Amino acid sequence: MTRILVTGATGFIGRRLVPALVAEGHDVRAMTRRPEKYDGPGEPVAGNVDDRDSLLEPLKGVEVAYYLVHSLDDADFERKDAEAARGFASAAAEQGVKQIIFMGGLGDDGDLSAHLRSRREVEGLLGETGIPVTVLRAAIVVGAGGISWEITRQLVKNLPAMVVPKWAATKTQPIALDDVVRYLVGVCGKEAALGEVFEIGGPDQLTYIEMLRVAGEVGKGSSPPIIKVPVLTPGLSSRWLALVTDVDVTTGRNLIDSMGIEVVVREQRIREIVPGEPMGYADAVRRALAEDES
């Protein structure tokens, strides 16, 4: 049994990860700003990554810490995320944590948006104090409640037809939330995973247009007409998303800036640590829609 801290325990990934770790027999602390409202498994603990001192008690005696927080909804997210990562790494080192596990973003180092650059910076900052960091880099995670999935679901649900910008023809490699959780659990405490960066994705490389079409076929039995236009700036795109979905302009802009960059898996070393075939995109969509309806 390993003593584990999960930051962002009530977030999109964290609220699925905590039950999976508990089911494996681990002693899990679920960190949240409001532990009195936490109703999931594990031990709720109060902590805020923006306040280093608040992290010392939750990290006491912890062997493995999952870092699953970001500030995409903030215009100054790069600075905030960097400061939070420095504070977390420092507190974790002080308390003797043996492994930090982090969810990063796919993409080649030489061609990154501000969002993806920030993810890379956080990877480095988490390891600055010498704790081995295990990084899982993913593109779009398909699951109920995920921002990228919610954009896809709501566009297909709300619009009979779509005009999309040229970035919608960019390839990405979506992954089911179930597989993300499986990989996160699988690298916990594994010697071969310490200090390593793994790329994770489903079996399908798709453009955003293809993702919208598949989601329409799975959810509604037909795909919406989609027209690609050459000029639709990130600023206009984010405002358009805010009109037709419930994703705010700042978050939408930060995500859209990354969508013009191809992000696909180029190595499969994760399967040496966590064997098994990942779920295809259509099945991931079915699973996410079923969760949305439950």
C-alpha atoms as a PDB file:
ATOM      1  CA  MET A   1       0.000   0.000   0.000  1.00  0.00           C
ATOM      2  CA  THR A   2       1.331   3.419  -1.007  1.00  0.00           C
ATOM      3  CA  ARG A   3       0.382   6.706   0.631  1.00  0.00           C
ATOM      4  CA  ILE A   4      -0.680   9.036  -2.171  1.00  0.00           C
ATOM      5  CA  LEU A   5      -1.760  12.662  -2.509  1.00  0.00           C
ATOM      6  CA  VAL A   6      -3.967  13.662  -5.444  1.00  0.00           C
ATOM      7  CA  THR A   7      -4.157  17.384  -6.108  1.00  0.00           C
ATOM      8  CA  GLY A   8      -7.184  18.529  -8.072  1.00  0.00           C
ATOM      9  CA  ALA A   9      -9.104  15.617  -6.570  1.00  0.00           C
ATOM     10  CA  THR A  10     -12.478  17.105  -7.538  1.00  0.00           C
ATOM     11  CA  GLY A  11     -11.379  17.988 -11.078  1.00  0.00           C
ATOM     12  CA  PHE A  12     -12.044  16.270 -14.382  1.00  0.00           C
ATOM     13  CA  ILE A  13      -9.313  13.629 -14.029  1.00  0.00           C
ATOM     14  CA  GLY A  14      -8.821  13.675 -10.271  1.00  0.00           C
ATOM     15  CA  ARG A  15     -12.370  12.655  -9.399  1.00  0.00           C
ATOM     16  CA  ARG A  16     -11.936   9.507 -11.534  1.00  0.00           C
ATOM     17  CA  LEU A  17      -8.380   8.823 -10.435  1.00  0.00           C
ATOM     18  CA  VAL A  18      -8.983   8.805  -6.666  1.00  0.00           C
ATOM     19  CA  PRO A  19     -11.513   5.916  -6.738  1.00  0.00           C
ATOM     20  CA  ALA A  20      -9.225   3.929  -9.054  1.00  0.00           C
ATOM     21  CA  LEU A  21      -6.271   4.327  -6.670  1.00  0.00           C
ATOM     22  CA  VAL A  22      -8.400   3.421  -3.653  1.00  0.00           C
ATOM     23  CA  ALA A  23      -9.618   0.313  -5.511  1.00  0.00           C
ATOM     24  CA  GLU A  24      -5.953  -0.696  -5.939  1.00  0.00           C
ATOM     25  CA  GLY A  25      -5.569  -0.631  -2.145  1.00  0.00           C
ATOM     26  CA  HIS A  26      -3.627   2.614  -1.801  1.00  0.00           C
ATOM     27  CA  ASP A  27      -3.972   5.079   1.081  1.00  0.00           C
ATOM     28  CA  VAL A  28      -5.202   8.169  -0.805  1.00  0.00           C
ATOM     29  CA  ARG A  29      -5.488  11.769   0.312  1.00  0.00           C
ATOM     30  CA  ALA A  30      -7.816  13.835  -1.872  1.00  0.00           C
ATOM     31  CA  MET A  31      -6.635  17.442  -1.799  1.00  0.00           C
ATOM     32  CA  THR A  32      -9.184  20.192  -2.321  1.00  0.00           C
ATOM     33  CA  ARG A  33      -9.703  23.773  -1.202  1.00  0.00           C
ATOM     34  CA  ARG A  34     -13.003  22.752   0.409  1.00  0.00           C
ATOM     35  CA  PRO A  35     -12.548  19.337   2.063  1.00  0.00           C
ATOM     36  CA  GLU A  36     -15.806  19.746   4.002  1.00  0.00           C
ATOM     37  CA  LYS A  37     -17.695  19.445   0.695  1.00  0.00           C
ATOM     38  CA  TYR A  38     -15.772  16.437  -0.605  1.00  0.00           C
ATOM     39  CA  ASP A  39     -17.948  13.330  -0.872  1.00  0.00           C
ATOM     40  CA  GLY A  40     -15.671  10.914  -2.733  1.00  0.00           C
ATOM     41  CA  PRO A  41     -13.421   8.085  -1.497  1.00  0.00           C
ATOM     42  CA  GLY A  42     -10.083   8.630   0.199  1.00  0.00           C
ATOM     43  CA  GLU A  43      -9.236  11.101   2.950  1.00  0.00           C
ATOM     44  CA  PRO A  44     -10.163  14.716   2.134  1.00  0.00           C
ATOM     45  CA  VAL A  45      -7.414  17.220   2.988  1.00  0.00           C
ATOM     46  CA  ALA A  46      -7.263  20.991   2.612  1.00  0.00           C
ATOM     47  CA  GLY A  47      -4.588  22.489   0.387  1.00  0.00           C
ATOM     48  CA  ASN A  48      -4.025  25.150  -2.264  1.00  0.00           C
ATOM     49  CA  VAL A  49      -1.128  24.990  -4.731  1.00  0.00           C
ATOM     50  CA  ASP A  50      -1.029  28.802  -4.717  1.00  0.00           C
ATOM     51  CA  ASP A  51      -0.101  28.682  -1.009  1.00  0.00           C
ATOM     52  CA  ARG A  52       3.049  26.620  -0.418  1.00  0.00           C
ATOM     53  CA  ASP A  53       2.639  26.444   3.348  1.00  0.00           C
ATOM     54  CA  SER A  54      -0.825  24.926   2.975  1.00  0.00           C
ATOM     55  CA  LEU A  55       0.762  21.955   1.167  1.00  0.00           C
ATOM     56  CA  LEU A  56       3.068  20.801   3.945  1.00  0.00           C
ATOM     57  CA  GLU A  57       0.451  18.980   6.007  1.00  0.00           C
ATOM     58  CA  PRO A  58      -1.255  17.214   3.065  1.00  0.00           C
ATOM     59  CA  LEU A  59       2.164  16.056   1.788  1.00  0.00           C
ATOM     60  CA  LYS A  60       3.374  14.760   5.165  1.00  0.00           C
ATOM     61  CA  GLY A  61       4.266  11.069   4.877  1.00  0.00           C
ATOM     62  CA  VAL A  62       3.237  10.929   1.197  1.00  0.00           C
ATOM     63  CA  GLU A  63       5.280   8.726  -1.149  1.00  0.00           C
ATOM     64  CA  VAL A  64       3.616   9.587  -4.481  1.00  0.00           C
ATOM     65  CA  ALA A  65       1.957  12.894  -5.398  1.00  0.00           C
ATOM     66  CA  TYR A  66      -0.231  13.491  -8.444  1.00  0.00           C
ATOM     67  CA  TYR A  67      -0.116  17.055  -9.772  1.00  0.00           C
ATOM     68  CA  LEU A  68      -3.338  17.649 -11.732  1.00  0.00           C
ATOM     69  CA  VAL A  69      -3.928  21.392 -11.512  1.00  0.00           C
ATOM     70  CA  HIS A  70      -3.693  24.273 -13.988  1.00  0.00           C
ATOM     71  CA  SER A  71      -5.008  27.810 -14.461  1.00  0.00           C
ATOM     72  CA  LEU A  72      -6.284  27.810 -18.056  1.00  0.00           C
ATOM     73  CA  ASP A  73      -9.196  30.033 -17.087  1.00  0.00           C
ATOM     74  CA  ASP A  74      -6.785  32.813 -16.073  1.00  0.00           C
ATOM     75  CA  ALA A  75      -5.259  35.254 -18.578  1.00  0.00           C
ATOM     76  CA  ASP A  76      -1.997  35.113 -16.581  1.00  0.00           C
ATOM     77  CA  PHE A  77      -1.960  31.305 -16.408  1.00  0.00           C
ATOM     78  CA  GLU A  78       1.711  30.871 -17.370  1.00  0.00           C
ATOM     79  CA  ARG A  79       2.993  32.858 -14.399  1.00  0.00           C
ATOM     80  CA  LYS A  80       0.461  31.357 -11.971  1.00  0.00           C
ATOM     81  CA  ASP A  81       1.164  27.774 -13.031  1.00  0.00           C
ATOM     82  CA  ALA A  82       4.938  28.286 -12.821  1.00  0.00           C
ATOM     83  CA  GLU A  83       4.732  29.730  -9.304  1.00  0.00           C
ATOM     84  CA  ALA A  84       2.394  26.956  -8.162  1.00  0.00           C
ATOM     85  CA  ALA A  85       4.711  24.249  -9.552  1.00  0.00           C
ATOM     86  CA  ARG A  86       7.753  25.747  -7.803  1.00  0.00           C
ATOM     87  CA  GLY A  87       5.923  25.865  -4.494  1.00  0.00           C
ATOM     88  CA  PHE A  88       4.595  22.324  -4.826  1.00  0.00           C
ATOM     89  CA  ALA A  89       8.003  20.886  -5.756  1.00  0.00           C
ATOM     90  CA  SER A  90       9.609  22.651  -2.793  1.00  0.00           C
ATOM     91  CA  ALA A  91       6.980  21.449  -0.312  1.00  0.00           C
ATOM     92  CA  ALA A  92       7.099  17.897  -1.718  1.00  0.00           C
ATOM     93  CA  ALA A  93      10.883  17.779  -1.372  1.00  0.00           C
ATOM     94  CA  GLU A  94      10.681  19.047   2.206  1.00  0.00           C
ATOM     95  CA  GLN A  95       8.267  16.244   3.071  1.00  0.00           C
ATOM     96  CA  GLY A  96      10.286  13.500   1.363  1.00  0.00           C
ATOM     97  CA  VAL A  97       7.965  12.641  -1.552  1.00  0.00           C
ATOM     98  CA  LYS A  98       9.527   9.950  -3.753  1.00  0.00           C
ATOM     99  CA  GLN A  99       7.609  10.472  -7.041  1.00  0.00           C
ATOM    100  CA  ILE A 100       5.532  13.227  -8.650  1.00  0.00           C
ATOM    101  CA  ILE A 101       3.180  12.238 -11.475  1.00  0.00           C
ATOM    102  CA  PHE A 102       2.081  14.986 -13.867  1.00  0.00           C
ATOM    103  CA  MET A 103      -0.304  15.228 -16.837  1.00  0.00           C
ATOM    104  CA  GLY A 104       1.346  17.236 -19.594  1.00  0.00           C
ATOM    105  CA  GLY A 105       0.503  17.976 -23.213  1.00  0.00           C
ATOM    106  CA  LEU A 106       1.674  16.387 -26.456  1.00  0.00           C
ATOM    107  CA  GLY A 107       3.616  18.462 -28.979  1.00  0.00           C
ATOM    108  CA  ASP A 108       7.125  18.905 -30.379  1.00  0.00           C
ATOM    109  CA  ASP A 109       9.265  21.202 -28.248  1.00  0.00           C
ATOM    110  CA  GLY A 110      10.086  23.540 -31.136  1.00  0.00           C
ATOM    111  CA  ASP A 111       6.456  24.308 -32.040  1.00  0.00           C
ATOM    112  CA  LEU A 112       4.344  24.977 -28.964  1.00  0.00           C
ATOM    113  CA  SER A 113       1.513  27.317 -28.049  1.00  0.00           C
ATOM    114  CA  ALA A 114       1.580  29.305 -24.797  1.00  0.00           C
ATOM    115  CA  HIS A 115      -0.560  26.579 -23.184  1.00  0.00           C
ATOM    116  CA  LEU A 116       1.773  23.778 -24.235  1.00  0.00           C
ATOM    117  CA  ARG A 117       4.892  25.810 -23.381  1.00  0.00           C
ATOM    118  CA  SER A 118       3.467  26.278 -19.911  1.00  0.00           C
ATOM    119  CA  ARG A 119       2.905  22.525 -19.553  1.00  0.00           C
ATOM    120  CA  ARG A 120       6.562  21.917 -20.499  1.00  0.00           C
ATOM    121  CA  GLU A 121       7.736  24.552 -18.036  1.00  0.00           C
ATOM    122  CA  VAL A 122       5.721  22.951 -15.236  1.00  0.00           C
ATOM    123  CA  GLU A 123       7.290  19.564 -16.049  1.00  0.00           C
ATOM    124  CA  GLY A 124      10.739  21.049 -15.491  1.00  0.00           C
ATOM    125  CA  LEU A 125       9.827  23.042 -12.408  1.00  0.00           C
ATOM    126  CA  LEU A 126       8.305  20.028 -10.650  1.00  0.00           C
ATOM    127  CA  GLY A 127      11.640  18.234 -10.973  1.00  0.00           C
ATOM    128  CA  GLU A 128      13.897  21.106  -9.925  1.00  0.00           C
ATOM    129  CA  THR A 129      14.192  19.920  -6.322  1.00  0.00           C
ATOM    130  CA  GLY A 130      15.366  16.456  -7.356  1.00  0.00           C
ATOM    131  CA  ILE A 131      12.175  14.425  -6.964  1.00  0.00           C
ATOM    132  CA  PRO A 132      11.739  12.019  -9.913  1.00  0.00           C
ATOM    133  CA  VAL A 133       8.831  13.231 -12.044  1.00  0.00           C
ATOM    134  CA  THR A 134       6.792  10.903 -14.240  1.00  0.00           C
ATOM    135  CA  VAL A 135       5.097  12.814 -17.061  1.00  0.00           C
ATOM    136  CA  LEU A 136       2.210  11.552 -19.182  1.00  0.00           C
ATOM    137  CA  ARG A 137       1.708  13.762 -22.235  1.00  0.00           C
ATOM    138  CA  ALA A 138      -1.727  13.621 -23.854  1.00  0.00           C
ATOM    139  CA  ALA A 139      -3.758  15.517 -26.440  1.00  0.00           C
ATOM    140  CA  ILE A 140      -7.559  15.712 -26.035  1.00  0.00           C
ATOM    141  CA  VAL A 141      -8.943  13.582 -23.211  1.00  0.00           C
ATOM    142  CA  VAL A 142     -12.435  12.323 -24.044  1.00  0.00           C
ATOM    143  CA  GLY A 143     -14.664  12.074 -20.995  1.00  0.00           C
ATOM    144  CA  ALA A 144     -17.653  13.750 -19.394  1.00  0.00           C
ATOM    145  CA  GLY A 145     -16.664  17.101 -17.917  1.00  0.00           C
ATOM    146  CA  GLY A 146     -13.411  17.587 -19.832  1.00  0.00           C
ATOM    147  CA  ILE A 147     -13.181  21.027 -21.431  1.00  0.00           C
ATOM    148  CA  SER A 148     -12.053  19.834 -24.880  1.00  0.00           C
ATOM    149  CA  TRP A 149     -14.697  17.111 -24.923  1.00  0.00           C
ATOM    150  CA  GLU A 150     -17.379  19.546 -23.758  1.00  0.00           C
ATOM    151  CA  ILE A 151     -16.548  21.836 -26.682  1.00  0.00           C
ATOM    152  CA  THR A 152     -16.972  18.910 -29.089  1.00  0.00           C
ATOM    153  CA  ARG A 153     -20.162  17.627 -27.459  1.00  0.00           C
ATOM    154  CA  GLN A 154     -21.856  21.007 -27.240  1.00  0.00           C
ATOM    155  CA  LEU A 155     -20.955  22.041 -30.792  1.00  0.00           C
ATOM    156  CA  VAL A 156     -22.459  18.836 -32.165  1.00  0.00           C
ATOM    157  CA  LYS A 157     -25.517  19.116 -29.908  1.00  0.00           C
ATOM    158  CA  ASN A 158     -26.250  22.806 -30.403  1.00  0.00           C
ATOM    159  CA  LEU A 159     -25.432  23.473 -34.054  1.00  0.00           C
ATOM    160  CA  PRO A 160     -27.163  21.950 -37.112  1.00  0.00           C
ATOM    161  CA  ALA A 161     -24.197  23.093 -39.226  1.00  0.00           C
ATOM    162  CA  MET A 162     -20.785  24.599 -38.498  1.00  0.00           C
ATOM    163  CA  VAL A 163     -18.331  27.056 -39.985  1.00  0.00           C
ATOM    164  CA  VAL A 164     -14.906  26.152 -38.617  1.00  0.00           C
ATOM    165  CA  PRO A 165     -11.456  27.786 -38.909  1.00  0.00           C
ATOM    166  CA  LYS A 166      -8.539  26.251 -40.748  1.00  0.00           C
ATOM    167  CA  TRP A 167      -7.052  24.846 -37.521  1.00  0.00           C
ATOM    168  CA  ALA A 168      -9.940  22.362 -37.477  1.00  0.00           C
ATOM    169  CA  ALA A 169      -8.053  20.390 -40.137  1.00  0.00           C
ATOM    170  CA  THR A 170      -5.105  19.837 -37.766  1.00  0.00           C
ATOM    171  CA  LYS A 171      -4.454  16.274 -36.627  1.00  0.00           C
ATOM    172  CA  THR A 172      -4.630  15.244 -32.993  1.00  0.00           C
ATOM    173  CA  GLN A 173      -4.773  11.927 -31.135  1.00  0.00           C
ATOM    174  CA  PRO A 174      -7.606  11.810 -28.594  1.00  0.00           C
ATOM    175  CA  ILE A 175      -7.533   9.411 -25.668  1.00  0.00           C
ATOM    176  CA  ALA A 176     -10.350   8.043 -23.518  1.00  0.00           C
ATOM    177  CA  LEU A 177     -10.474   9.199 -19.912  1.00  0.00           C
ATOM    178  CA  ASP A 178     -10.556   5.531 -18.826  1.00  0.00           C
ATOM    179  CA  ASP A 179      -7.166   4.978 -20.470  1.00  0.00           C
ATOM    180  CA  VAL A 180      -5.685   8.129 -18.932  1.00  0.00           C
ATOM    181  CA  VAL A 181      -6.710   6.902 -15.482  1.00  0.00           C
ATOM    182  CA  ARG A 182      -5.357   3.423 -16.255  1.00  0.00           C
ATOM    183  CA  TYR A 183      -1.973   4.865 -17.208  1.00  0.00           C
ATOM    184  CA  LEU A 184      -1.875   7.222 -14.215  1.00  0.00           C
ATOM    185  CA  VAL A 185      -2.553   4.335 -11.846  1.00  0.00           C
ATOM    186  CA  GLY A 186      -0.129   2.072 -13.680  1.00  0.00           C
ATOM    187  CA  VAL A 187       2.935   4.323 -13.316  1.00  0.00           C
ATOM    188  CA  CYS A 188       2.448   4.840  -9.565  1.00  0.00           C
ATOM    189  CA  GLY A 189       5.558   3.719  -7.707  1.00  0.00           C
ATOM    190  CA  LYS A 190       7.052   1.986 -10.760  1.00  0.00           C
ATOM    191  CA  GLU A 191      10.843   2.184 -10.777  1.00  0.00           C
ATOM    192  CA  ALA A 192      10.940   2.136 -14.586  1.00  0.00           C
ATOM    193  CA  ALA A 193       8.655   5.187 -14.721  1.00  0.00           C
ATOM    194  CA  LEU A 194      10.725   7.445 -12.451  1.00  0.00           C
ATOM    195  CA  GLY A 195      12.059  10.497 -14.260  1.00  0.00           C
ATOM    196  CA  GLU A 196      10.463   9.421 -17.541  1.00  0.00           C
ATOM    197  CA  VAL A 197       8.204  11.190 -20.056  1.00  0.00           C
ATOM    198  CA  PHE A 198       5.592   9.056 -21.813  1.00  0.00           C
ATOM    199  CA  GLU A 199       3.286   9.945 -24.705  1.00  0.00           C
ATOM    200  CA  ILE A 200      -0.228   8.558 -24.416  1.00  0.00           C
ATOM    201  CA  GLY A 201      -3.073   8.470 -26.906  1.00  0.00           C
ATOM    202  CA  GLY A 202      -5.819   6.342 -28.365  1.00  0.00           C
ATOM    203  CA  PRO A 203      -5.385   4.363 -31.583  1.00  0.00           C
ATOM    204  CA  ASP A 204      -6.949   7.041 -33.842  1.00  0.00           C
ATOM    205  CA  GLN A 205      -5.227  10.087 -35.329  1.00  0.00           C
ATOM    206  CA  LEU A 206      -8.004  12.463 -36.404  1.00  0.00           C
ATOM    207  CA  THR A 207      -8.516  16.059 -37.438  1.00  0.00           C
ATOM    208  CA  TYR A 208     -10.879  18.147 -35.310  1.00  0.00           C
ATOM    209  CA  ILE A 209     -13.351  18.045 -38.209  1.00  0.00           C
ATOM    210  CA  GLU A 210     -13.252  14.244 -38.201  1.00  0.00           C
ATOM    211  CA  MET A 211     -13.739  14.234 -34.431  1.00  0.00           C
ATOM    212  CA  LEU A 212     -16.842  16.412 -34.773  1.00  0.00           C
ATOM    213  CA  ARG A 213     -18.231  14.151 -37.485  1.00  0.00           C
ATOM    214  CA  VAL A 214     -17.672  10.954 -35.501  1.00  0.00           C
ATOM    215  CA  ALA A 215     -19.206  12.539 -32.392  1.00  0.00           C
ATOM    216  CA  GLY A 216     -22.255  13.527 -34.442  1.00  0.00           C
ATOM    217  CA  GLU A 217     -22.645  10.052 -35.913  1.00  0.00           C
ATOM    218  CA  VAL A 218     -22.323   8.380 -32.516  1.00  0.00           C
ATOM    219  CA  GLY A 219     -24.516  10.840 -30.622  1.00  0.00           C
ATOM    220  CA  LYS A 220     -27.158  11.829 -33.177  1.00  0.00           C
ATOM    221  CA  GLY A 221     -26.899   9.254 -35.927  1.00  0.00           C
ATOM    222  CA  SER A 222     -25.585  11.825 -38.425  1.00  0.00           C
ATOM    223  CA  SER A 223     -22.716  14.262 -38.705  1.00  0.00           C
ATOM    224  CA  PRO A 224     -23.403  18.012 -39.067  1.00  0.00           C
ATOM    225  CA  PRO A 225     -22.423  19.829 -42.277  1.00  0.00           C
ATOM    226  CA  ILE A 226     -19.041  21.447 -41.656  1.00  0.00           C
ATOM    227  CA  ILE A 227     -17.604  24.269 -43.757  1.00  0.00           C
ATOM    228  CA  LYS A 228     -13.950  25.243 -43.303  1.00  0.00           C
ATOM    229  CA  VAL A 229     -13.086  28.929 -43.767  1.00  0.00           C
ATOM    230  CA  PRO A 230      -9.540  30.298 -44.182  1.00  0.00           C
ATOM    231  CA  VAL A 231      -9.903  33.322 -41.901  1.00  0.00           C
ATOM    232  CA  LEU A 232     -11.228  32.977 -38.375  1.00  0.00           C
ATOM    233  CA  THR A 233      -8.763  34.296 -35.800  1.00  0.00           C
ATOM    234  CA  PRO A 234      -8.210  32.670 -32.385  1.00  0.00           C
ATOM    235  CA  GLY A 235      -9.877  35.677 -30.775  1.00  0.00           C
ATOM    236  CA  LEU A 236     -12.973  35.388 -32.933  1.00  0.00           C
ATOM    237  CA  SER A 237     -12.988  31.607 -32.553  1.00  0.00           C
ATOM    238  CA  SER A 238     -12.948  31.871 -28.747  1.00  0.00           C
ATOM    239  CA  ARG A 239     -15.839  34.365 -28.785  1.00  0.00           C
ATOM    240  CA  TRP A 240     -17.772  32.083 -31.127  1.00  0.00           C
ATOM    241  CA  LEU A 241     -17.204  29.147 -28.758  1.00  0.00           C
ATOM    242  CA  ALA A 242     -18.414  31.248 -25.817  1.00  0.00           C
ATOM    243  CA  LEU A 243     -21.640  31.989 -27.718  1.00  0.00           C
ATOM    244  CA  VAL A 244     -22.499  28.387 -28.609  1.00  0.00           C
ATOM    245  CA  THR A 245     -20.987  26.517 -25.619  1.00  0.00           C
ATOM    246  CA  ASP A 246     -20.567  27.240 -21.909  1.00  0.00           C
ATOM    247  CA  VAL A 247     -16.739  27.453 -22.188  1.00  0.00           C
ATOM    248  CA  ASP A 248     -15.555  30.941 -21.197  1.00  0.00           C
ATOM    249  CA  VAL A 249     -13.619  33.156 -23.637  1.00  0.00           C
ATOM    250  CA  THR A 250     -10.284  32.992 -21.755  1.00  0.00           C
ATOM    251  CA  THR A 251     -10.237  29.194 -21.504  1.00  0.00           C
ATOM    252  CA  GLY A 252     -11.420  28.860 -25.097  1.00  0.00           C
ATOM    253  CA  ARG A 253      -8.687  31.190 -26.378  1.00  0.00           C
ATOM    254  CA  ASN A 254      -5.961  29.370 -24.471  1.00  0.00           C
ATOM    255  CA  LEU A 255      -7.110  26.028 -25.898  1.00  0.00           C
ATOM    256  CA  ILE A 256      -7.623  27.307 -29.446  1.00  0.00           C
ATOM    257  CA  ASP A 257      -4.070  28.646 -29.551  1.00  0.00           C
ATOM    258  CA  SER A 258      -2.947  25.001 -29.215  1.00  0.00           C
ATOM    259  CA  MET A 259      -5.309  23.562 -31.794  1.00  0.00           C
ATOM    260  CA  GLY A 260      -3.338  24.718 -34.814  1.00  0.00           C
ATOM    261  CA  ILE A 261      -0.436  22.499 -33.766  1.00  0.00           C
ATOM    262  CA  GLU A 262      -0.364  18.810 -34.696  1.00  0.00           C
ATOM    263  CA  VAL A 263      -0.171  16.741 -31.523  1.00  0.00           C
ATOM    264  CA  VAL A 264       0.153  13.004 -32.111  1.00  0.00           C
ATOM    265  CA  VAL A 265       1.884  10.139 -30.304  1.00  0.00           C
ATOM    266  CA  ARG A 266       5.320   9.319 -31.702  1.00  0.00           C
ATOM    267  CA  GLU A 267       6.415   6.616 -29.240  1.00  0.00           C
ATOM    268  CA  GLN A 268       4.638   3.839 -27.344  1.00  0.00           C
ATOM    269  CA  ARG A 269       6.964   3.167 -24.373  1.00  0.00           C
ATOM    270  CA  ILE A 270       4.062   3.529 -21.925  1.00  0.00           C
ATOM    271  CA  ARG A 271       2.879   0.074 -23.017  1.00  0.00           C
ATOM    272  CA  GLU A 272       6.035  -1.466 -21.584  1.00  0.00           C
ATOM    273  CA  ILE A 273       5.000  -0.149 -18.158  1.00  0.00           C
ATOM    274  CA  VAL A 274       1.203  -0.382 -18.499  1.00  0.00           C
ATOM    275  CA  PRO A 275       0.224  -3.037 -21.057  1.00  0.00           C
ATOM    276  CA  GLY A 276      -3.119  -3.045 -22.856  1.00  0.00           C
ATOM    277  CA  GLU A 277      -4.831  -1.618 -25.922  1.00  0.00           C
ATOM    278  CA  PRO A 278      -6.365   1.843 -25.520  1.00  0.00           C
ATOM    279  CA  MET A 279      -9.986   2.513 -26.474  1.00  0.00           C
ATOM    280  CA  GLY A 280     -10.838   3.880 -29.940  1.00  0.00           C
ATOM    281  CA  TYR A 281     -12.319   7.360 -30.351  1.00  0.00           C
ATOM    282  CA  ALA A 282     -15.856   6.231 -31.246  1.00  0.00           C
ATOM    283  CA  ASP A 283     -16.021   4.004 -28.166  1.00  0.00           C
ATOM    284  CA  ALA A 284     -14.602   6.825 -26.019  1.00  0.00           C
ATOM    285  CA  VAL A 285     -17.376   9.106 -27.318  1.00  0.00           C
ATOM    286  CA  ARG A 286     -20.020   6.497 -26.463  1.00  0.00           C
ATOM    287  CA  ARG A 287     -18.619   6.173 -22.951  1.00  0.00           C
ATOM    288  CA  ALA A 288     -18.520   9.956 -22.451  1.00  0.00           C
ATOM    289  CA  LEU A 289     -22.077  10.431 -23.727  1.00  0.00           C
ATOM    290  CA  ALA A 290     -23.326   7.680 -21.421  1.00  0.00           C
ATOM    291  CA  GLU A 291     -21.679   9.452 -18.473  1.00  0.00           C
ATOM    292  CA  ASP A 292     -23.230  12.763 -19.519  1.00  0.00           C
ATOM    293  CA  GLU A 293     -26.667  11.154 -19.480  1.00  0.00           C
ATOM    294  CA  SER A 294     -26.246   9.353 -16.142  1.00  0.00           C
END
